[in-house]
């Protein structure tokens, strides 16, 4: 199954594609460091062309959930 197909089956309010090789569970993102997201002990890269949109979505979700 391709990543695109997998993303189509996941709830969009919870999951976000941040790189051509990575989809993240938005509530699990703990921090943003440069062009990377921290999830537990993992650093997930954010694609340059998606950076602005990914950070906007993540920051909006964090502000709304508080």
PDB file of N, CA and C in Angstrom:
ATOM      1  N   UNK A   1       0.852  -1.173   0.000  1.00  0.00           N
ATOM      2  CA  UNK A   1       0.000   0.000   0.000  1.00  0.00           C
ATOM      3  C   UNK A   1       0.903   1.244   0.000  1.00  0.00           C
ATOM      4  N   UNK A   2       0.570   2.188  -0.832  1.00  0.00           N
ATOM      5  CA  UNK A   2       1.364   3.415  -0.899  1.00  0.00           C
ATOM      6  C   UNK A   2       1.011   4.334   0.268  1.00  0.00           C
ATOM      7  N   UNK A   3       1.894   5.264   0.549  1.00  0.00           N
ATOM      8  CA  UNK A   3       1.661   6.223   1.623  1.00  0.00           C
ATOM      9  C   UNK A   3       0.435   7.081   1.316  1.00  0.00           C
ATOM     10  N   UNK A   4       0.261   7.421   0.060  1.00  0.00           N
ATOM     11  CA  UNK A   4      -0.892   8.225  -0.348  1.00  0.00           C
ATOM     12  C   UNK A   4      -2.196   7.479  -0.075  1.00  0.00           C
ATOM     13  N   UNK A   5      -2.228   6.195  -0.401  1.00  0.00           N
ATOM     14  CA  UNK A   5      -3.417   5.378  -0.155  1.00  0.00           C
ATOM     15  C   UNK A   5      -3.682   5.248   1.338  1.00  0.00           C
ATOM     16  N   UNK A   6      -2.630   5.030   2.099  1.00  0.00           N
ATOM     17  CA  UNK A   6      -2.758   4.932   3.551  1.00  0.00           C
ATOM     18  C   UNK A   6      -3.322   6.228   4.129  1.00  0.00           C
ATOM     19  N   UNK A   7      -2.812   7.359   3.691  1.00  0.00           N
ATOM     20  CA  UNK A   7      -3.274   8.660   4.181  1.00  0.00           C
ATOM     21  C   UNK A   7      -4.757   8.867   3.877  1.00  0.00           C
ATOM     22  N   UNK A   8      -5.212   8.377   2.745  1.00  0.00           N
ATOM     23  CA  UNK A   8      -6.630   8.507   2.370  1.00  0.00           C
ATOM     24  C   UNK A   8      -7.541   7.727   3.312  1.00  0.00           C
ATOM     25  N   UNK A   9      -7.014   6.706   3.971  1.00  0.00           N
ATOM     26  CA  UNK A   9      -7.812   5.884   4.874  1.00  0.00           C
ATOM     27  C   UNK A   9      -7.728   6.339   6.335  1.00  0.00           C
ATOM     28  N   UNK A  10      -6.871   7.282   6.619  1.00  0.00           N
ATOM     29  CA  UNK A  10      -6.707   7.786   7.982  1.00  0.00           C
ATOM     30  C   UNK A  10      -7.553   9.044   8.189  1.00  0.00           C
ATOM     31  N   UNK A  11      -8.029   9.279   9.417  1.00  0.00           N
ATOM     32  CA  UNK A  11      -8.811  10.494   9.683  1.00  0.00           C
ATOM     33  C   UNK A  11      -7.935  11.750   9.554  1.00  0.00           C
ATOM     34  N   UNK A  12      -8.345  12.672   8.700  1.00  0.00           N
ATOM     35  CA  UNK A  12      -7.546  13.867   8.414  1.00  0.00           C
ATOM     36  C   UNK A  12      -7.418  14.799   9.615  1.00  0.00           C
ATOM     37  N   UNK A  13      -8.363  14.750  10.551  1.00  0.00           N
ATOM     38  CA  UNK A  13      -8.259  15.614  11.725  1.00  0.00           C
ATOM     39  C   UNK A  13      -7.174  15.132  12.679  1.00  0.00           C
ATOM     40  N   UNK A  14      -6.682  13.896  12.498  1.00  0.00           N
ATOM     41  CA  UNK A  14      -5.686  13.350  13.412  1.00  0.00           C
ATOM     42  C   UNK A  14      -4.320  13.127  12.770  1.00  0.00           C
ATOM     43  N   UNK A  15      -4.280  12.868  11.464  1.00  0.00           N
ATOM     44  CA  UNK A  15      -3.021  12.537  10.799  1.00  0.00           C
ATOM     45  C   UNK A  15      -2.673  13.557   9.730  1.00  0.00           C
ATOM     46  N   UNK A  16      -1.362  13.754   9.533  1.00  0.00           N
ATOM     47  CA  UNK A  16      -0.876  14.778   8.613  1.00  0.00           C
ATOM     48  C   UNK A  16       0.396  14.288   7.932  1.00  0.00           C
ATOM     49  N   UNK A  17       0.463  14.437   6.613  1.00  0.00           N
ATOM     50  CA  UNK A  17       1.690  14.100   5.911  1.00  0.00           C
ATOM     51  C   UNK A  17       2.636  15.281   6.013  1.00  0.00           C
ATOM     52  N   UNK A  18       3.861  15.014   6.506  1.00  0.00           N
ATOM     53  CA  UNK A  18       4.823  16.075   6.745  1.00  0.00           C
ATOM     54  C   UNK A  18       6.048  15.968   5.844  1.00  0.00           C
ATOM     55  N   UNK A  19       6.119  14.868   5.123  1.00  0.00           N
ATOM     56  CA  UNK A  19       7.274  14.580   4.263  1.00  0.00           C
ATOM     57  C   UNK A  19       6.810  13.501   3.299  1.00  0.00           C
ATOM     58  N   UNK A  20       7.487  13.332   2.184  1.00  0.00           N
ATOM     59  CA  UNK A  20       7.028  12.308   1.241  1.00  0.00           C
ATOM     60  C   UNK A  20       7.104  10.903   1.828  1.00  0.00           C
ATOM     61  N   UNK A  21       7.852  10.739   2.902  1.00  0.00           N
ATOM     62  CA  UNK A  21       8.016   9.436   3.542  1.00  0.00           C
ATOM     63  C   UNK A  21       7.410   9.340   4.938  1.00  0.00           C
ATOM     64  N   UNK A  22       6.766  10.404   5.415  1.00  0.00           N
ATOM     65  CA  UNK A  22       6.276  10.400   6.797  1.00  0.00           C
ATOM     66  C   UNK A  22       4.872  10.983   6.931  1.00  0.00           C
ATOM     67  N   UNK A  23       4.060  10.274   7.702  1.00  0.00           N
ATOM     68  CA  UNK A  23       2.755  10.752   8.163  1.00  0.00           C
ATOM     69  C   UNK A  23       2.840  10.745   9.681  1.00  0.00           C
ATOM     70  N   UNK A  24       2.353  11.793  10.325  1.00  0.00           N
ATOM     71  CA  UNK A  24       2.398  11.839  11.789  1.00  0.00           C
ATOM     72  C   UNK A  24       0.997  11.914  12.378  1.00  0.00           C
ATOM     73  N   UNK A  25       0.900  11.406  13.596  1.00  0.00           N
ATOM     74  CA  UNK A  25      -0.305  11.521  14.395  1.00  0.00           C
ATOM     75  C   UNK A  25      -0.176  12.868  15.120  1.00  0.00           C
ATOM     76  N   UNK A  26      -0.949  13.848  14.722  1.00  0.00           N
ATOM     77  CA  UNK A  26      -0.777  15.222  15.207  1.00  0.00           C
ATOM     78  C   UNK A  26      -0.735  15.356  16.726  1.00  0.00           C
ATOM     79  N   UNK A  27      -1.613  14.693  17.474  1.00  0.00           N
ATOM     80  CA  UNK A  27      -1.551  14.846  18.935  1.00  0.00           C
ATOM     81  C   UNK A  27      -0.259  14.304  19.568  1.00  0.00           C
ATOM     82  N   UNK A  28       0.476  13.481  18.858  1.00  0.00           N
ATOM     83  CA  UNK A  28       1.700  12.893  19.403  1.00  0.00           C
ATOM     84  C   UNK A  28       2.922  13.798  19.243  1.00  0.00           C
ATOM     85  N   UNK A  29       2.813  14.847  18.435  1.00  0.00           N
ATOM     86  CA  UNK A  29       3.948  15.756  18.221  1.00  0.00           C
ATOM     87  C   UNK A  29       4.193  16.531  19.513  1.00  0.00           C
ATOM     88  N   UNK A  30       5.407  16.408  20.040  1.00  0.00           N
ATOM     89  CA  UNK A  30       5.746  17.040  21.314  1.00  0.00           C
ATOM     90  C   UNK A  30       6.427  18.389  21.143  1.00  0.00           C
ATOM     91  N   UNK A  31       7.185  18.549  20.049  1.00  0.00           N
ATOM     92  CA  UNK A  31       7.917  19.800  19.857  1.00  0.00           C
ATOM     93  C   UNK A  31       8.322  19.937  18.395  1.00  0.00           C
ATOM     94  N   UNK A  32       8.696  21.159  18.044  1.00  0.00           N
ATOM     95  CA  UNK A  32       9.240  21.473  16.724  1.00  0.00           C
ATOM     96  C   UNK A  32      10.652  21.978  16.946  1.00  0.00           C
ATOM     97  N   UNK A  33      11.614  21.371  16.269  1.00  0.00           N
ATOM     98  CA  UNK A  33      13.011  21.807  16.339  1.00  0.00           C
ATOM     99  C   UNK A  33      13.515  22.026  14.921  1.00  0.00           C
ATOM    100  N   UNK A  34      13.623  23.266  14.527  1.00  0.00           N
ATOM    101  CA  UNK A  34      14.070  23.561  13.166  1.00  0.00           C
ATOM    102  C   UNK A  34      13.090  22.992  12.161  1.00  0.00           C
ATOM    103  N   UNK A  35      13.569  22.099  11.308  1.00  0.00           N
ATOM    104  CA  UNK A  35      12.717  21.452  10.305  1.00  0.00           C
ATOM    105  C   UNK A  35      12.367  20.030  10.711  1.00  0.00           C
ATOM    106  N   UNK A  36      12.287  19.782  12.007  1.00  0.00           N
ATOM    107  CA  UNK A  36      11.975  18.447  12.493  1.00  0.00           C
ATOM    108  C   UNK A  36      10.901  18.502  13.569  1.00  0.00           C
ATOM    109  N   UNK A  37      10.126  17.420  13.630  1.00  0.00           N
ATOM    110  CA  UNK A  37       9.133  17.264  14.681  1.00  0.00           C
ATOM    111  C   UNK A  37       9.640  16.215  15.652  1.00  0.00           C
ATOM    112  N   UNK A  38       9.438  16.433  16.929  1.00  0.00           N
ATOM    113  CA  UNK A  38       9.835  15.463  17.937  1.00  0.00           C
ATOM    114  C   UNK A  38       8.616  14.680  18.387  1.00  0.00           C
ATOM    115  N   UNK A  39       8.720  13.359  18.268  1.00  0.00           N
ATOM    116  CA  UNK A  39       7.685  12.440  18.733  1.00  0.00           C
ATOM    117  C   UNK A  39       8.417  11.366  19.531  1.00  0.00           C
ATOM    118  N   UNK A  40       8.310  11.446  20.837  1.00  0.00           N
ATOM    119  CA  UNK A  40       9.071  10.526  21.683  1.00  0.00           C
ATOM    120  C   UNK A  40      10.558  10.753  21.458  1.00  0.00           C
ATOM    121  N   UNK A  41      11.286   9.680  21.166  1.00  0.00           N
ATOM    122  CA  UNK A  41      12.722   9.776  20.894  1.00  0.00           C
ATOM    123  C   UNK A  41      13.024   9.943  19.411  1.00  0.00           C
ATOM    124  N   UNK A  42      11.997  10.125  18.600  1.00  0.00           N
ATOM    125  CA  UNK A  42      12.166  10.192  17.152  1.00  0.00           C
ATOM    126  C   UNK A  42      12.122  11.632  16.648  1.00  0.00           C
ATOM    127  N   UNK A  43      12.976  11.922  15.687  1.00  0.00           N
ATOM    128  CA  UNK A  43      12.972  13.213  15.004  1.00  0.00           C
ATOM    129  C   UNK A  43      12.488  12.960  13.576  1.00  0.00           C
ATOM    130  N   UNK A  44      11.363  13.569  13.229  1.00  0.00           N
ATOM    131  CA  UNK A  44      10.735  13.381  11.925  1.00  0.00           C
ATOM    132  C   UNK A  44      10.994  14.626  11.085  1.00  0.00           C
ATOM    133  N   UNK A  45      11.590  14.459   9.895  1.00  0.00           N
ATOM    134  CA  UNK A  45      11.845  15.630   9.054  1.00  0.00           C
ATOM    135  C   UNK A  45      10.548  16.183   8.459  1.00  0.00           C
ATOM    136  N   UNK A  46      10.546  17.484   8.239  1.00  0.00           N
ATOM    137  CA  UNK A  46       9.424  18.151   7.571  1.00  0.00           C
ATOM    138  C   UNK A  46       9.943  18.643   6.223  1.00  0.00           C
ATOM    139  N   UNK A  47       9.233  18.298   5.162  1.00  0.00           N
ATOM    140  CA  UNK A  47       9.641  18.714   3.823  1.00  0.00           C
ATOM    141  C   UNK A  47       9.581  20.237   3.697  1.00  0.00           C
ATOM    142  N   UNK A  48      10.544  20.797   2.992  1.00  0.00           N
ATOM    143  CA  UNK A  48      10.585  22.262   2.829  1.00  0.00           C
ATOM    144  C   UNK A  48       9.304  22.804   2.211  1.00  0.00           C
ATOM    145  N   UNK A  49       8.767  22.100   1.213  1.00  0.00           N
ATOM    146  CA  UNK A  49       7.571  22.598   0.538  1.00  0.00           C
ATOM    147  C   UNK A  49       6.303  22.452   1.388  1.00  0.00           C
ATOM    148  N   UNK A  50       6.360  21.661   2.466  1.00  0.00           N
ATOM    149  CA  UNK A  50       5.204  21.489   3.345  1.00  0.00           C
ATOM    150  C   UNK A  50       5.360  22.217   4.681  1.00  0.00           C
ATOM    151  N   UNK A  51       6.532  22.748   4.933  1.00  0.00           N
ATOM    152  CA  UNK A  51       6.887  23.309   6.247  1.00  0.00           C
ATOM    153  C   UNK A  51       5.882  24.327   6.769  1.00  0.00           C
ATOM    154  N   UNK A  52       5.595  25.346   5.997  1.00  0.00           N
ATOM    155  CA  UNK A  52       4.693  26.407   6.444  1.00  0.00           C
ATOM    156  C   UNK A  52       3.317  25.864   6.815  1.00  0.00           C
ATOM    157  N   UNK A  53       2.755  25.031   5.952  1.00  0.00           N
ATOM    158  CA  UNK A  53       1.421  24.466   6.172  1.00  0.00           C
ATOM    159  C   UNK A  53       1.413  23.518   7.378  1.00  0.00           C
ATOM    160  N   UNK A  54       2.418  22.669   7.493  1.00  0.00           N
ATOM    161  CA  UNK A  54       2.517  21.726   8.617  1.00  0.00           C
ATOM    162  C   UNK A  54       2.596  22.485   9.935  1.00  0.00           C
ATOM    163  N   UNK A  55       3.464  23.472  10.021  1.00  0.00           N
ATOM    164  CA  UNK A  55       3.616  24.226  11.265  1.00  0.00           C
ATOM    165  C   UNK A  55       2.349  25.005  11.596  1.00  0.00           C
ATOM    166  N   UNK A  56       1.701  25.563  10.605  1.00  0.00           N
ATOM    167  CA  UNK A  56       0.444  26.293  10.831  1.00  0.00           C
ATOM    168  C   UNK A  56      -0.611  25.350  11.403  1.00  0.00           C
ATOM    169  N   UNK A  57      -0.770  24.184  10.804  1.00  0.00           N
ATOM    170  CA  UNK A  57      -1.768  23.216  11.263  1.00  0.00           C
ATOM    171  C   UNK A  57      -1.457  22.747  12.675  1.00  0.00           C
ATOM    172  N   UNK A  58      -0.205  22.404  12.941  1.00  0.00           N
ATOM    173  CA  UNK A  58       0.159  21.914  14.266  1.00  0.00           C
ATOM    174  C   UNK A  58      -0.029  22.984  15.339  1.00  0.00           C
ATOM    175  N   UNK A  59       0.352  24.207  15.035  1.00  0.00           N
ATOM    176  CA  UNK A  59       0.202  25.284  16.014  1.00  0.00           C
ATOM    177  C   UNK A  59      -1.266  25.612  16.267  1.00  0.00           C
ATOM    178  N   UNK A  60      -2.081  25.595  15.219  1.00  0.00           N
ATOM    179  CA  UNK A  60      -3.521  25.819  15.393  1.00  0.00           C
ATOM    180  C   UNK A  60      -4.129  24.741  16.268  1.00  0.00           C
ATOM    181  N   UNK A  61      -3.751  23.481  16.031  1.00  0.00           N
ATOM    182  CA  UNK A  61      -4.277  22.367  16.835  1.00  0.00           C
ATOM    183  C   UNK A  61      -3.881  22.514  18.300  1.00  0.00           C
ATOM    184  N   UNK A  62      -2.658  22.911  18.575  1.00  0.00           N
ATOM    185  CA  UNK A  62      -2.192  23.057  19.958  1.00  0.00           C
ATOM    186  C   UNK A  62      -2.924  24.211  20.644  1.00  0.00           C
ATOM    187  N   UNK A  63      -3.165  25.311  19.918  1.00  0.00           N
ATOM    188  CA  UNK A  63      -3.850  26.463  20.515  1.00  0.00           C
ATOM    189  C   UNK A  63      -5.315  26.155  20.795  1.00  0.00           C
ATOM    190  N   UNK A  64      -5.950  25.406  19.893  1.00  0.00           N
ATOM    191  CA  UNK A  64      -7.369  25.076  20.045  1.00  0.00           C
ATOM    192  C   UNK A  64      -7.560  24.063  21.172  1.00  0.00           C
ATOM    193  N   UNK A  65      -6.643  23.121  21.318  1.00  0.00           N
ATOM    194  CA  UNK A  65      -6.813  22.065  22.319  1.00  0.00           C
ATOM    195  C   UNK A  65      -6.577  22.541  23.751  1.00  0.00           C
ATOM    196  N   UNK A  66      -5.988  23.716  23.937  1.00  0.00           N
ATOM    197  CA  UNK A  66      -5.733  24.212  25.302  1.00  0.00           C
ATOM    198  C   UNK A  66      -6.860  24.992  25.866  1.00  0.00           C
TER     199      UNK A  66
END
